[in-house]
Amino acid sequence: MAQRVVAMTPRTKGNIKIIQVERTNNLDVSQVYHTGSGHLNGIVINKETQSAEPETESQDMQLEFTCLMHNNRTADSHAESRRLKFWFLDKTERPQRLTDSYDFFKDLVNQGTFPKDYVGFIKRMLKQLQSDHYPSLRRVDLDIIPLEPSSQEAFVPGLPVRLKPADSPMSVFRTGYRMSERGRACALNCAIRVALSPTRFSPPSDATDCILGGSGQAEEEEEEGV
């Protein structure tokens, strides 16, 4: 029996970056870009693909949230929408889907350990899906969608497009989220506070190397900005 791995496949669809993370026993070795080792053993990064065809399999759950991000190193600010899409094993009951989706998100954006850059965010996704938690969860996609300044107010009302670095040494921002499932909208709204200092992300070249212990350039850039 083939060993189960967690495979990450970066994709681009227009201006949307898509990170697909999946538990699988059927790895296509021809698509493998890099294989993790050490504490990242069992994690595989596939080659980047361009998404020309629509997704054939609808997600079971979807959770959307918006981040207003500030880079202390460059003083640039921007807003982006992020969508977490969840696929579960067949016959997973609805209450379990709701619980696992929310718990995955809650663990991902834990205020005490929230990743401060894209690389850390994706690493957290990989390690969470590799863990024994969320046993019914088989795939999670992250869509990263840049927002125009004019769209920001609708998602995060009351926050300026640009923030002064002095507002917070760790670049703390407000983000709201909304959860929905296939064929049903869930009235689930709240606000949390998370910290994020972005670095450039163009998978798989630089981010993949950092995820699997390569150059470490992204982390170094983020540390300079703190």
N, C-alpha and C. Protein backbone atom coordinates (compact mmCIF):
# COMPACT_ATOMS: atom_id res chain seq x y z
N MET A 1 0.85 -1.21 0.00
CA MET A 1 0.00 0.00 0.00
C MET A 1 0.88 1.25 0.00
N ALA A 2 0.56 2.21 -0.90
CA ALA A 2 1.36 3.42 -1.01
C ALA A 2 1.21 4.27 0.25
N GLN A 3 2.31 4.93 0.61
CA GLN A 3 2.29 5.79 1.79
C GLN A 3 1.48 7.04 1.52
N ARG A 4 0.68 7.44 2.48
CA ARG A 4 -0.09 8.67 2.33
C ARG A 4 0.82 9.87 2.52
N VAL A 5 0.71 10.84 1.62
CA VAL A 5 1.47 12.07 1.72
C VAL A 5 0.50 13.24 1.66
N VAL A 6 1.01 14.41 2.00
CA VAL A 6 0.27 15.65 1.80
C VAL A 6 0.94 16.39 0.65
N ALA A 7 0.20 16.59 -0.42
CA ALA A 7 0.75 17.20 -1.63
C ALA A 7 0.20 18.61 -1.80
N MET A 8 1.10 19.56 -2.08
CA MET A 8 0.71 20.93 -2.36
C MET A 8 0.91 21.21 -3.84
N THR A 9 -0.10 21.73 -4.49
CA THR A 9 -0.02 22.09 -5.90
C THR A 9 -0.37 23.57 -6.05
N PRO A 10 0.60 24.43 -6.40
CA PRO A 10 0.29 25.84 -6.64
C PRO A 10 -0.26 26.03 -8.05
N ARG A 11 -1.30 26.83 -8.16
CA ARG A 11 -1.91 27.09 -9.45
C ARG A 11 -2.20 28.58 -9.57
N THR A 12 -2.31 29.03 -10.80
CA THR A 12 -2.66 30.42 -11.08
C THR A 12 -3.85 30.46 -12.01
N LYS A 13 -4.83 31.27 -11.65
CA LYS A 13 -6.01 31.46 -12.50
C LYS A 13 -6.28 32.95 -12.58
N GLY A 14 -5.84 33.58 -13.67
CA GLY A 14 -5.93 35.02 -13.77
C GLY A 14 -5.05 35.67 -12.73
N ASN A 15 -5.63 36.55 -11.91
CA ASN A 15 -4.86 37.19 -10.84
C ASN A 15 -4.99 36.47 -9.51
N ILE A 16 -5.57 35.28 -9.52
CA ILE A 16 -5.79 34.51 -8.29
C ILE A 16 -4.71 33.45 -8.14
N LYS A 17 -4.06 33.44 -6.99
CA LYS A 17 -3.14 32.37 -6.63
C LYS A 17 -3.91 31.30 -5.87
N ILE A 18 -3.77 30.07 -6.28
CA ILE A 18 -4.48 28.96 -5.66
C ILE A 18 -3.46 27.98 -5.11
N ILE A 19 -3.59 27.65 -3.84
CA ILE A 19 -2.74 26.65 -3.20
C ILE A 19 -3.62 25.46 -2.85
N GLN A 20 -3.42 24.35 -3.55
CA GLN A 20 -4.19 23.14 -3.29
C GLN A 20 -3.37 22.21 -2.40
N VAL A 21 -3.94 21.81 -1.28
CA VAL A 21 -3.27 20.92 -0.33
C VAL A 21 -4.17 19.70 -0.14
N GLU A 22 -3.61 18.52 -0.38
CA GLU A 22 -4.44 17.31 -0.41
C GLU A 22 -3.73 16.12 0.20
N ARG A 23 -4.46 15.34 0.98
CA ARG A 23 -3.98 14.04 1.44
C ARG A 23 -4.19 13.04 0.31
N THR A 24 -3.14 12.30 -0.05
CA THR A 24 -3.28 11.37 -1.16
C THR A 24 -2.39 10.16 -1.00
N ASN A 25 -2.86 9.03 -1.51
CA ASN A 25 -2.06 7.81 -1.60
C ASN A 25 -1.63 7.54 -3.04
N ASN A 26 -2.07 8.39 -3.96
CA ASN A 26 -1.80 8.19 -5.38
C ASN A 26 -1.06 9.40 -5.94
N LEU A 27 0.22 9.47 -5.64
CA LEU A 27 1.03 10.61 -6.06
C LEU A 27 1.49 10.43 -7.50
N ASP A 28 1.32 11.46 -8.30
CA ASP A 28 1.83 11.47 -9.67
C ASP A 28 3.27 11.97 -9.64
N VAL A 29 4.23 11.04 -9.69
CA VAL A 29 5.64 11.42 -9.51
C VAL A 29 6.13 12.32 -10.63
N SER A 30 5.48 12.29 -11.79
CA SER A 30 5.91 13.14 -12.90
C SER A 30 5.64 14.61 -12.63
N GLN A 31 4.76 14.90 -11.66
CA GLN A 31 4.41 16.28 -11.33
C GLN A 31 5.13 16.81 -10.10
N VAL A 32 5.97 15.98 -9.48
CA VAL A 32 6.63 16.37 -8.23
C VAL A 32 7.75 17.36 -8.51
N TYR A 33 7.73 18.47 -7.79
CA TYR A 33 8.79 19.48 -7.88
C TYR A 33 9.83 19.26 -6.79
N HIS A 34 9.40 18.91 -5.59
CA HIS A 34 10.32 18.70 -4.47
C HIS A 34 9.64 17.85 -3.41
N THR A 35 10.44 17.07 -2.71
CA THR A 35 9.95 16.22 -1.62
C THR A 35 10.58 16.66 -0.31
N GLY A 36 9.77 16.86 0.71
CA GLY A 36 10.26 17.32 1.99
C GLY A 36 10.99 16.23 2.76
N SER A 37 11.83 16.65 3.69
CA SER A 37 12.57 15.71 4.55
C SER A 37 12.60 16.27 5.96
N GLY A 38 13.14 15.47 6.90
CA GLY A 38 13.18 15.92 8.29
C GLY A 38 11.79 16.12 8.84
N HIS A 39 11.55 17.29 9.48
CA HIS A 39 10.23 17.53 10.06
C HIS A 39 9.17 17.76 8.99
N LEU A 40 9.60 17.89 7.73
CA LEU A 40 8.66 18.03 6.62
C LEU A 40 8.55 16.75 5.81
N ASN A 41 9.01 15.65 6.37
CA ASN A 41 8.89 14.36 5.70
C ASN A 41 7.42 14.02 5.48
N GLY A 42 7.09 13.53 4.29
CA GLY A 42 5.70 13.23 3.97
C GLY A 42 4.96 14.37 3.31
N ILE A 43 5.66 15.49 3.08
CA ILE A 43 5.07 16.63 2.38
C ILE A 43 5.73 16.75 1.01
N VAL A 44 4.92 16.88 -0.02
CA VAL A 44 5.40 16.93 -1.40
C VAL A 44 4.88 18.21 -2.06
N ILE A 45 5.76 18.88 -2.79
CA ILE A 45 5.37 20.07 -3.55
C ILE A 45 5.35 19.71 -5.02
N ASN A 46 4.21 19.89 -5.66
CA ASN A 46 4.09 19.63 -7.09
C ASN A 46 4.46 20.86 -7.91
N LYS A 47 4.65 20.65 -9.19
CA LYS A 47 4.95 21.75 -10.10
C LYS A 47 3.73 22.66 -10.22
N GLU A 48 4.01 23.93 -10.49
CA GLU A 48 2.92 24.89 -10.66
C GLU A 48 2.19 24.62 -11.96
N THR A 49 0.88 24.81 -11.94
CA THR A 49 0.07 24.63 -13.13
C THR A 49 -0.77 25.88 -13.37
N GLN A 50 -1.17 26.07 -14.61
CA GLN A 50 -2.08 27.14 -14.97
C GLN A 50 -3.48 26.56 -15.05
N SER A 51 -4.43 27.16 -14.36
CA SER A 51 -5.80 26.63 -14.30
C SER A 51 -6.63 27.22 -15.42
N ALA A 52 -6.71 26.48 -16.52
CA ALA A 52 -7.53 26.93 -17.63
C ALA A 52 -8.94 26.35 -17.54
N GLU A 53 -9.04 25.14 -16.98
CA GLU A 53 -10.34 24.47 -16.89
C GLU A 53 -11.00 24.77 -15.54
N PRO A 54 -12.32 24.86 -15.51
CA PRO A 54 -13.02 25.08 -14.24
C PRO A 54 -12.91 23.86 -13.34
N GLU A 55 -13.03 24.08 -12.04
CA GLU A 55 -12.98 22.99 -11.07
C GLU A 55 -14.17 22.06 -11.29
N THR A 56 -13.88 20.76 -11.44
CA THR A 56 -14.95 19.80 -11.73
C THR A 56 -15.62 19.29 -10.46
N GLU A 57 -14.99 19.46 -9.32
CA GLU A 57 -15.52 18.93 -8.06
C GLU A 57 -15.78 20.09 -7.11
N SER A 58 -17.05 20.33 -6.82
CA SER A 58 -17.41 21.44 -5.94
C SER A 58 -16.99 21.16 -4.51
N GLN A 59 -16.52 22.20 -3.83
CA GLN A 59 -16.11 22.03 -2.44
C GLN A 59 -17.32 21.79 -1.55
N ASP A 60 -17.10 21.11 -0.44
CA ASP A 60 -18.17 20.85 0.52
C ASP A 60 -18.43 22.06 1.40
N MET A 61 -17.37 22.77 1.77
CA MET A 61 -17.47 23.96 2.61
C MET A 61 -16.54 25.02 2.06
N GLN A 62 -16.90 26.28 2.32
CA GLN A 62 -16.03 27.39 1.92
C GLN A 62 -16.06 28.46 3.00
N LEU A 63 -14.91 28.98 3.33
CA LEU A 63 -14.79 30.03 4.34
C LEU A 63 -14.00 31.17 3.74
N GLU A 64 -14.57 32.35 3.75
CA GLU A 64 -13.94 33.53 3.15
C GLU A 64 -13.56 34.52 4.24
N PHE A 65 -12.39 35.12 4.10
CA PHE A 65 -11.99 36.16 5.03
C PHE A 65 -11.10 37.16 4.31
N THR A 66 -11.02 38.34 4.86
CA THR A 66 -10.28 39.43 4.24
C THR A 66 -9.20 39.92 5.18
N CYS A 67 -8.02 40.11 4.65
CA CYS A 67 -6.89 40.61 5.44
C CYS A 67 -6.46 41.97 4.90
N LEU A 68 -6.26 42.91 5.79
CA LEU A 68 -5.62 44.17 5.46
C LEU A 68 -4.20 44.07 5.98
N MET A 69 -3.24 44.10 5.09
CA MET A 69 -1.87 43.77 5.44
C MET A 69 -0.95 44.97 5.25
N HIS A 70 0.02 45.06 6.14
CA HIS A 70 0.99 46.15 6.10
C HIS A 70 2.39 45.57 6.22
N ASN A 71 3.26 45.98 5.32
CA ASN A 71 4.64 45.53 5.35
C ASN A 71 5.47 46.60 6.04
N ASN A 72 5.96 46.31 7.24
CA ASN A 72 6.73 47.30 7.99
C ASN A 72 8.03 47.67 7.30
N ARG A 73 8.54 46.76 6.48
CA ARG A 73 9.83 47.01 5.83
C ARG A 73 9.70 48.02 4.69
N THR A 74 8.59 47.92 3.94
CA THR A 74 8.41 48.81 2.79
C THR A 74 7.36 49.88 3.03
N ALA A 75 6.60 49.76 4.13
CA ALA A 75 5.51 50.69 4.48
C ALA A 75 4.34 50.59 3.50
N ASP A 76 4.30 49.53 2.68
CA ASP A 76 3.18 49.33 1.75
C ASP A 76 2.04 48.60 2.46
N SER A 77 0.82 48.93 2.06
CA SER A 77 -0.37 48.26 2.59
C SER A 77 -1.24 47.80 1.44
N HIS A 78 -1.92 46.69 1.63
CA HIS A 78 -2.90 46.26 0.65
C HIS A 78 -3.87 45.29 1.31
N ALA A 79 -5.03 45.16 0.68
CA ALA A 79 -6.04 44.23 1.18
C ALA A 79 -6.16 43.07 0.21
N GLU A 80 -6.45 41.90 0.74
CA GLU A 80 -6.67 40.75 -0.11
C GLU A 80 -7.75 39.87 0.50
N SER A 81 -8.51 39.23 -0.36
CA SER A 81 -9.51 38.27 0.07
C SER A 81 -8.90 36.87 -0.01
N ARG A 82 -9.20 36.06 0.99
CA ARG A 82 -8.72 34.67 0.99
C ARG A 82 -9.92 33.74 1.16
N ARG A 83 -9.92 32.69 0.36
CA ARG A 83 -10.98 31.69 0.44
C ARG A 83 -10.35 30.35 0.79
N LEU A 84 -10.84 29.74 1.84
CA LEU A 84 -10.47 28.37 2.19
C LEU A 84 -11.61 27.46 1.74
N LYS A 85 -11.29 26.51 0.88
CA LYS A 85 -12.29 25.56 0.38
C LYS A 85 -11.96 24.17 0.92
N PHE A 86 -12.97 23.47 1.39
CA PHE A 86 -12.78 22.19 2.07
C PHE A 86 -13.51 21.07 1.34
N TRP A 87 -12.81 19.94 1.18
CA TRP A 87 -13.39 18.72 0.65
C TRP A 87 -13.24 17.62 1.70
N PHE A 88 -14.30 16.85 1.90
CA PHE A 88 -14.31 15.82 2.93
C PHE A 88 -14.49 14.44 2.32
N LEU A 89 -14.16 13.42 3.12
CA LEU A 89 -14.41 12.05 2.72
C LEU A 89 -15.91 11.84 2.54
N ASP A 90 -16.26 10.91 1.66
CA ASP A 90 -17.68 10.61 1.45
C ASP A 90 -18.33 10.18 2.76
N LYS A 91 -19.60 10.53 2.87
CA LYS A 91 -20.43 10.16 4.02
C LYS A 91 -20.05 10.91 5.31
N THR A 92 -19.22 11.94 5.19
CA THR A 92 -18.95 12.77 6.37
C THR A 92 -20.20 13.58 6.70
N GLU A 93 -20.67 13.49 7.91
CA GLU A 93 -21.90 14.17 8.30
C GLU A 93 -21.71 15.69 8.32
N ARG A 94 -22.82 16.40 8.07
CA ARG A 94 -22.76 17.86 8.02
C ARG A 94 -22.20 18.48 9.29
N PRO A 95 -22.62 18.08 10.50
CA PRO A 95 -22.04 18.69 11.70
C PRO A 95 -20.52 18.52 11.77
N GLN A 96 -20.01 17.38 11.29
CA GLN A 96 -18.57 17.18 11.30
C GLN A 96 -17.88 18.08 10.30
N ARG A 97 -18.49 18.28 9.14
CA ARG A 97 -17.92 19.20 8.14
C ARG A 97 -17.83 20.61 8.70
N LEU A 98 -18.91 21.06 9.34
CA LEU A 98 -18.92 22.40 9.93
C LEU A 98 -17.85 22.54 11.01
N THR A 99 -17.77 21.54 11.88
CA THR A 99 -16.81 21.59 12.98
C THR A 99 -15.37 21.58 12.48
N ASP A 100 -15.06 20.66 11.56
CA ASP A 100 -13.69 20.55 11.07
C ASP A 100 -13.27 21.79 10.27
N SER A 101 -14.17 22.34 9.48
CA SER A 101 -13.84 23.54 8.70
C SER A 101 -13.52 24.71 9.62
N TYR A 102 -14.38 24.91 10.62
CA TYR A 102 -14.15 26.01 11.55
C TYR A 102 -12.89 25.78 12.38
N ASP A 103 -12.68 24.56 12.85
CA ASP A 103 -11.49 24.28 13.67
C ASP A 103 -10.21 24.44 12.87
N PHE A 104 -10.23 24.03 11.61
CA PHE A 104 -9.04 24.20 10.76
C PHE A 104 -8.71 25.68 10.62
N PHE A 105 -9.73 26.48 10.35
CA PHE A 105 -9.53 27.92 10.22
C PHE A 105 -9.06 28.54 11.53
N LYS A 106 -9.71 28.16 12.62
CA LYS A 106 -9.36 28.72 13.93
C LYS A 106 -7.92 28.41 14.29
N ASP A 107 -7.47 27.17 14.04
CA ASP A 107 -6.09 26.80 14.32
C ASP A 107 -5.12 27.53 13.40
N LEU A 108 -5.54 27.78 12.16
CA LEU A 108 -4.68 28.44 11.19
C LEU A 108 -4.42 29.89 11.57
N VAL A 109 -5.41 30.57 12.12
CA VAL A 109 -5.27 32.00 12.42
C VAL A 109 -5.18 32.25 13.92
N ASN A 110 -4.73 31.26 14.67
CA ASN A 110 -4.53 31.43 16.11
C ASN A 110 -3.70 32.68 16.37
N GLN A 111 -4.21 33.59 17.21
CA GLN A 111 -3.55 34.89 17.38
C GLN A 111 -2.16 34.77 18.00
N GLY A 112 -1.94 33.71 18.79
CA GLY A 112 -0.64 33.57 19.42
C GLY A 112 0.43 33.04 18.51
N THR A 113 0.03 32.32 17.45
CA THR A 113 1.02 31.68 16.57
C THR A 113 0.75 31.96 15.10
N PHE A 114 0.02 33.04 14.81
CA PHE A 114 -0.37 33.30 13.42
C PHE A 114 0.86 33.51 12.55
N PRO A 115 0.94 32.82 11.39
CA PRO A 115 2.10 33.00 10.50
C PRO A 115 2.21 34.44 10.02
N LYS A 116 3.45 34.94 9.97
CA LYS A 116 3.67 36.35 9.64
C LYS A 116 3.99 36.58 8.17
N ASP A 117 4.00 35.52 7.35
CA ASP A 117 4.22 35.70 5.92
C ASP A 117 3.52 34.57 5.17
N TYR A 118 3.51 34.67 3.84
CA TYR A 118 2.82 33.66 3.04
C TYR A 118 3.42 32.28 3.24
N VAL A 119 4.74 32.21 3.30
CA VAL A 119 5.40 30.92 3.44
C VAL A 119 4.96 30.24 4.74
N GLY A 120 4.97 30.99 5.84
CA GLY A 120 4.54 30.44 7.11
C GLY A 120 3.09 30.01 7.09
N PHE A 121 2.25 30.78 6.40
CA PHE A 121 0.82 30.46 6.30
C PHE A 121 0.62 29.13 5.58
N ILE A 122 1.35 28.94 4.47
CA ILE A 122 1.21 27.71 3.70
C ILE A 122 1.80 26.53 4.45
N LYS A 123 2.93 26.74 5.12
CA LYS A 123 3.50 25.68 5.95
C LYS A 123 2.50 25.21 7.01
N ARG A 124 1.81 26.17 7.62
CA ARG A 124 0.84 25.82 8.65
C ARG A 124 -0.28 24.97 8.05
N MET A 125 -0.75 25.34 6.87
CA MET A 125 -1.78 24.55 6.21
C MET A 125 -1.31 23.12 5.99
N LEU A 126 -0.08 22.97 5.48
CA LEU A 126 0.47 21.64 5.20
C LEU A 126 0.57 20.80 6.46
N LYS A 127 1.11 21.38 7.52
CA LYS A 127 1.30 20.63 8.76
C LYS A 127 -0.04 20.29 9.42
N GLN A 128 -1.01 21.18 9.32
CA GLN A 128 -2.32 20.89 9.91
C GLN A 128 -2.98 19.72 9.19
N LEU A 129 -2.90 19.71 7.86
CA LEU A 129 -3.53 18.61 7.13
C LEU A 129 -2.75 17.31 7.31
N GLN A 130 -1.45 17.42 7.57
CA GLN A 130 -0.64 16.22 7.80
C GLN A 130 -0.91 15.62 9.18
N SER A 131 -1.41 16.41 10.10
CA SER A 131 -1.64 15.93 11.47
C SER A 131 -2.80 14.94 11.51
N ASP A 132 -3.02 14.37 12.69
CA ASP A 132 -4.12 13.43 12.87
C ASP A 132 -5.45 14.13 13.17
N HIS A 133 -5.41 15.44 13.25
CA HIS A 133 -6.65 16.19 13.44
C HIS A 133 -7.45 16.18 12.13
N TYR A 134 -8.70 16.54 12.22
CA TYR A 134 -9.58 16.62 11.05
C TYR A 134 -9.49 15.34 10.20
N PRO A 135 -9.77 14.15 10.76
CA PRO A 135 -9.59 12.89 10.04
C PRO A 135 -10.47 12.75 8.80
N SER A 136 -11.58 13.47 8.75
CA SER A 136 -12.48 13.36 7.60
C SER A 136 -12.13 14.32 6.48
N LEU A 137 -11.18 15.20 6.71
CA LEU A 137 -10.80 16.22 5.73
C LEU A 137 -9.77 15.65 4.77
N ARG A 138 -10.01 15.77 3.47
CA ARG A 138 -9.06 15.22 2.51
C ARG A 138 -8.36 16.27 1.64
N ARG A 139 -8.95 17.46 1.53
CA ARG A 139 -8.34 18.48 0.68
C ARG A 139 -8.75 19.87 1.14
N VAL A 140 -7.80 20.81 1.06
CA VAL A 140 -8.07 22.22 1.37
C VAL A 140 -7.41 23.07 0.30
N ASP A 141 -8.15 23.98 -0.28
CA ASP A 141 -7.60 24.95 -1.23
C ASP A 141 -7.60 26.32 -0.59
N LEU A 142 -6.55 27.09 -0.86
CA LEU A 142 -6.49 28.49 -0.45
C LEU A 142 -6.44 29.35 -1.70
N ASP A 143 -7.44 30.20 -1.89
CA ASP A 143 -7.44 31.18 -2.97
C ASP A 143 -6.99 32.52 -2.40
N ILE A 144 -5.99 33.14 -3.03
CA ILE A 144 -5.50 34.45 -2.61
C ILE A 144 -5.86 35.45 -3.70
N ILE A 145 -6.72 36.41 -3.36
CA ILE A 145 -7.28 37.32 -4.36
C ILE A 145 -6.96 38.75 -3.96
N PRO A 146 -6.11 39.46 -4.70
CA PRO A 146 -5.82 40.86 -4.36
C PRO A 146 -7.06 41.72 -4.57
N LEU A 147 -7.26 42.68 -3.69
CA LEU A 147 -8.41 43.58 -3.78
C LEU A 147 -7.96 44.97 -4.17
N GLU A 148 -8.77 45.62 -4.98
CA GLU A 148 -8.52 47.01 -5.30
C GLU A 148 -8.84 47.87 -4.08
N PRO A 149 -8.14 49.00 -3.90
CA PRO A 149 -8.43 49.86 -2.74
C PRO A 149 -9.90 50.24 -2.63
N SER A 150 -10.58 50.42 -3.77
CA SER A 150 -11.99 50.81 -3.73
C SER A 150 -12.88 49.70 -3.17
N SER A 151 -12.40 48.44 -3.23
CA SER A 151 -13.18 47.32 -2.73
C SER A 151 -12.96 47.07 -1.26
N GLN A 152 -11.94 47.65 -0.70
CA GLN A 152 -11.53 47.32 0.66
C GLN A 152 -12.58 47.71 1.69
N GLU A 153 -13.21 48.85 1.51
CA GLU A 153 -14.15 49.35 2.51
C GLU A 153 -15.33 48.39 2.70
N ALA A 154 -15.73 47.72 1.63
CA ALA A 154 -16.86 46.79 1.73
C ALA A 154 -16.54 45.58 2.58
N PHE A 155 -15.26 45.21 2.62
CA PHE A 155 -14.86 44.03 3.37
C PHE A 155 -14.42 44.37 4.78
N VAL A 156 -13.67 45.44 4.93
CA VAL A 156 -13.15 45.82 6.24
C VAL A 156 -13.51 47.28 6.49
N PRO A 157 -14.74 47.57 6.83
CA PRO A 157 -15.16 48.97 6.99
C PRO A 157 -14.41 49.66 8.11
N GLY A 158 -14.12 50.94 7.87
CA GLY A 158 -13.52 51.75 8.92
C GLY A 158 -12.02 51.67 9.02
N LEU A 159 -11.37 50.89 8.13
CA LEU A 159 -9.91 50.81 8.17
C LEU A 159 -9.33 51.52 6.96
N PRO A 160 -8.27 52.30 7.12
CA PRO A 160 -7.69 53.04 6.00
C PRO A 160 -6.94 52.12 5.06
N VAL A 161 -6.75 52.60 3.82
CA VAL A 161 -5.98 51.83 2.85
C VAL A 161 -4.53 51.75 3.28
N ARG A 162 -3.97 52.83 3.82
CA ARG A 162 -2.60 52.83 4.30
C ARG A 162 -2.60 53.00 5.82
N LEU A 163 -1.74 52.25 6.46
CA LEU A 163 -1.59 52.35 7.90
C LEU A 163 -0.19 52.84 8.21
N LYS A 164 -0.05 53.62 9.25
CA LYS A 164 1.26 54.04 9.68
C LYS A 164 1.95 52.90 10.42
N PRO A 165 3.26 52.69 10.19
CA PRO A 165 3.96 51.63 10.90
C PRO A 165 3.83 51.74 12.41
N ALA A 166 3.69 52.96 12.91
CA ALA A 166 3.60 53.15 14.36
C ALA A 166 2.30 52.62 14.94
N ASP A 167 1.31 52.35 14.07
CA ASP A 167 0.04 51.84 14.57
C ASP A 167 0.21 50.52 15.30
N SER A 168 1.18 49.72 14.88
CA SER A 168 1.42 48.44 15.54
C SER A 168 2.76 47.89 15.09
N PRO A 169 3.63 47.49 16.02
CA PRO A 169 4.92 46.95 15.62
C PRO A 169 4.80 45.61 14.92
N MET A 170 3.70 44.90 15.11
CA MET A 170 3.54 43.59 14.49
C MET A 170 2.50 43.61 13.37
N SER A 171 2.11 44.78 12.92
CA SER A 171 1.15 44.90 11.82
C SER A 171 -0.13 44.12 12.10
N VAL A 172 -0.89 44.57 13.09
CA VAL A 172 -2.10 43.86 13.48
C VAL A 172 -3.30 44.47 12.75
N PHE A 173 -4.11 43.62 12.14
CA PHE A 173 -5.23 44.10 11.35
C PHE A 173 -6.50 43.35 11.70
N ARG A 174 -7.60 43.96 11.36
CA ARG A 174 -8.89 43.31 11.58
C ARG A 174 -9.26 42.53 10.32
N THR A 175 -9.85 41.37 10.51
CA THR A 175 -10.32 40.57 9.38
C THR A 175 -11.64 39.93 9.76
N GLY A 176 -12.60 39.95 8.85
CA GLY A 176 -13.86 39.27 9.07
C GLY A 176 -13.93 38.02 8.22
N TYR A 177 -14.81 37.08 8.58
CA TYR A 177 -14.93 35.88 7.76
C TYR A 177 -16.38 35.45 7.63
N ARG A 178 -16.63 34.67 6.59
CA ARG A 178 -17.97 34.16 6.31
C ARG A 178 -17.84 32.71 5.87
N MET A 179 -18.68 31.85 6.42
CA MET A 179 -18.63 30.43 6.07
C MET A 179 -19.86 30.05 5.28
N SER A 180 -19.68 29.18 4.30
CA SER A 180 -20.81 28.66 3.53
C SER A 180 -20.52 27.22 3.16
N GLU A 181 -21.55 26.49 2.81
CA GLU A 181 -21.38 25.13 2.36
C GLU A 181 -22.16 24.93 1.09
N ARG A 182 -21.89 23.82 0.41
CA ARG A 182 -22.52 23.57 -0.88
C ARG A 182 -24.04 23.58 -0.74
N GLY A 183 -24.68 24.51 -1.47
CA GLY A 183 -26.13 24.58 -1.46
C GLY A 183 -26.74 25.26 -0.26
N ARG A 184 -25.92 25.82 0.63
CA ARG A 184 -26.48 26.41 1.85
C ARG A 184 -25.54 27.52 2.34
N ALA A 185 -26.12 28.63 2.75
CA ALA A 185 -25.33 29.71 3.33
C ALA A 185 -25.47 29.67 4.84
N CYS A 186 -24.38 29.81 5.53
CA CYS A 186 -24.40 29.77 6.99
C CYS A 186 -24.26 31.19 7.53
N ALA A 187 -25.12 31.56 8.45
CA ALA A 187 -25.04 32.88 9.06
C ALA A 187 -23.97 32.87 10.13
N LEU A 188 -22.72 32.99 9.68
CA LEU A 188 -21.60 32.90 10.59
C LEU A 188 -20.69 34.10 10.32
N ASN A 189 -20.81 35.11 11.12
CA ASN A 189 -20.03 36.32 10.91
C ASN A 189 -19.40 36.76 12.23
N CYS A 190 -18.15 37.18 12.17
CA CYS A 190 -17.50 37.73 13.34
C CYS A 190 -16.25 38.47 12.89
N ALA A 191 -15.54 39.01 13.82
CA ALA A 191 -14.28 39.69 13.50
C ALA A 191 -13.20 39.18 14.42
N ILE A 192 -12.01 39.01 13.89
CA ILE A 192 -10.86 38.61 14.68
C ILE A 192 -9.73 39.56 14.36
N ARG A 193 -8.65 39.42 15.10
CA ARG A 193 -7.47 40.22 14.81
C ARG A 193 -6.31 39.27 14.60
N VAL A 194 -5.59 39.50 13.50
CA VAL A 194 -4.46 38.64 13.17
C VAL A 194 -3.27 39.51 12.80
N ALA A 195 -2.10 38.91 12.80
CA ALA A 195 -0.88 39.63 12.44
C ALA A 195 -0.29 39.01 11.19
N LEU A 196 0.12 39.84 10.24
CA LEU A 196 0.69 39.33 9.01
C LEU A 196 1.62 40.36 8.41
N SER A 197 2.83 39.95 8.09
CA SER A 197 3.77 40.77 7.35
C SER A 197 4.09 40.03 6.07
N PRO A 198 3.56 40.47 4.92
CA PRO A 198 3.68 39.69 3.70
C PRO A 198 5.07 39.75 3.09
N THR A 199 5.42 38.70 2.37
CA THR A 199 6.58 38.70 1.49
C THR A 199 6.08 38.34 0.11
N ARG A 200 6.88 38.58 -0.89
CA ARG A 200 6.48 38.23 -2.25
C ARG A 200 6.30 36.72 -2.36
N PHE A 201 5.29 36.31 -3.11
CA PHE A 201 5.02 34.89 -3.27
C PHE A 201 4.78 34.59 -4.74
N SER A 202 5.66 33.82 -5.34
CA SER A 202 5.49 33.40 -6.73
C SER A 202 5.84 31.92 -6.82
N PRO A 203 4.93 31.04 -6.41
CA PRO A 203 5.23 29.61 -6.36
C PRO A 203 5.47 29.07 -7.76
N PRO A 204 6.31 28.02 -7.93
CA PRO A 204 6.96 27.34 -6.82
C PRO A 204 8.39 27.78 -6.55
N SER A 205 8.92 28.73 -7.32
CA SER A 205 10.35 29.01 -7.30
C SER A 205 10.89 29.41 -5.94
N ASP A 206 10.44 30.55 -5.37
CA ASP A 206 11.02 30.99 -4.11
C ASP A 206 10.27 30.44 -2.90
N ALA A 207 8.94 30.46 -2.94
CA ALA A 207 8.18 30.01 -1.78
C ALA A 207 8.37 28.52 -1.53
N THR A 208 8.45 27.73 -2.59
CA THR A 208 8.62 26.29 -2.43
C THR A 208 9.94 25.98 -1.76
N ASP A 209 11.01 26.66 -2.16
CA ASP A 209 12.31 26.43 -1.54
C ASP A 209 12.25 26.74 -0.05
N CYS A 210 11.55 27.80 0.31
CA CYS A 210 11.47 28.17 1.72
C CYS A 210 10.63 27.17 2.51
N ILE A 211 9.54 26.71 1.92
CA ILE A 211 8.67 25.75 2.60
C ILE A 211 9.44 24.48 2.91
N LEU A 212 10.28 24.05 1.99
CA LEU A 212 10.98 22.78 2.15
C LEU A 212 12.39 22.96 2.68
N GLY A 213 12.69 24.12 3.25
CA GLY A 213 13.98 24.29 3.91
C GLY A 213 15.09 24.68 2.96
N GLY A 214 14.76 25.40 1.88
CA GLY A 214 15.77 25.80 0.92
C GLY A 214 16.46 27.08 1.31
N SER A 215 16.30 28.12 0.46
CA SER A 215 17.07 29.34 0.63
C SER A 215 16.71 30.10 1.90
N GLY A 216 15.44 30.05 2.30
CA GLY A 216 15.01 30.81 3.48
C GLY A 216 14.91 32.29 3.24
N GLN A 217 14.91 32.69 1.97
CA GLN A 217 14.92 34.11 1.65
C GLN A 217 13.67 34.83 2.15
N ALA A 218 12.51 34.19 1.99
CA ALA A 218 11.28 34.87 2.39
C ALA A 218 11.25 35.15 3.88
N GLU A 219 11.68 34.18 4.70
CA GLU A 219 11.68 34.41 6.13
C GLU A 219 12.66 35.51 6.51
N GLU A 220 13.81 35.56 5.84
CA GLU A 220 14.80 36.58 6.16
C GLU A 220 14.26 37.97 5.84
N GLU A 221 13.56 38.09 4.72
CA GLU A 221 12.99 39.37 4.35
C GLU A 221 11.95 39.80 5.37
N GLU A 222 11.14 38.86 5.83
CA GLU A 222 10.10 39.21 6.80
C GLU A 222 10.72 39.65 8.11
N GLU A 223 11.78 38.99 8.55
CA GLU A 223 12.40 39.33 9.82
C GLU A 223 13.00 40.73 9.78
N GLU A 224 13.50 41.11 8.61
CA GLU A 224 14.04 42.46 8.50
C GLU A 224 12.96 43.52 8.65
N GLY A 225 11.72 43.15 8.32
CA GLY A 225 10.65 44.13 8.38
C GLY A 225 10.01 44.25 9.74
N VAL A 226 10.34 43.38 10.69
CA VAL A 226 9.71 43.42 12.01
C VAL A 226 10.42 44.40 12.91
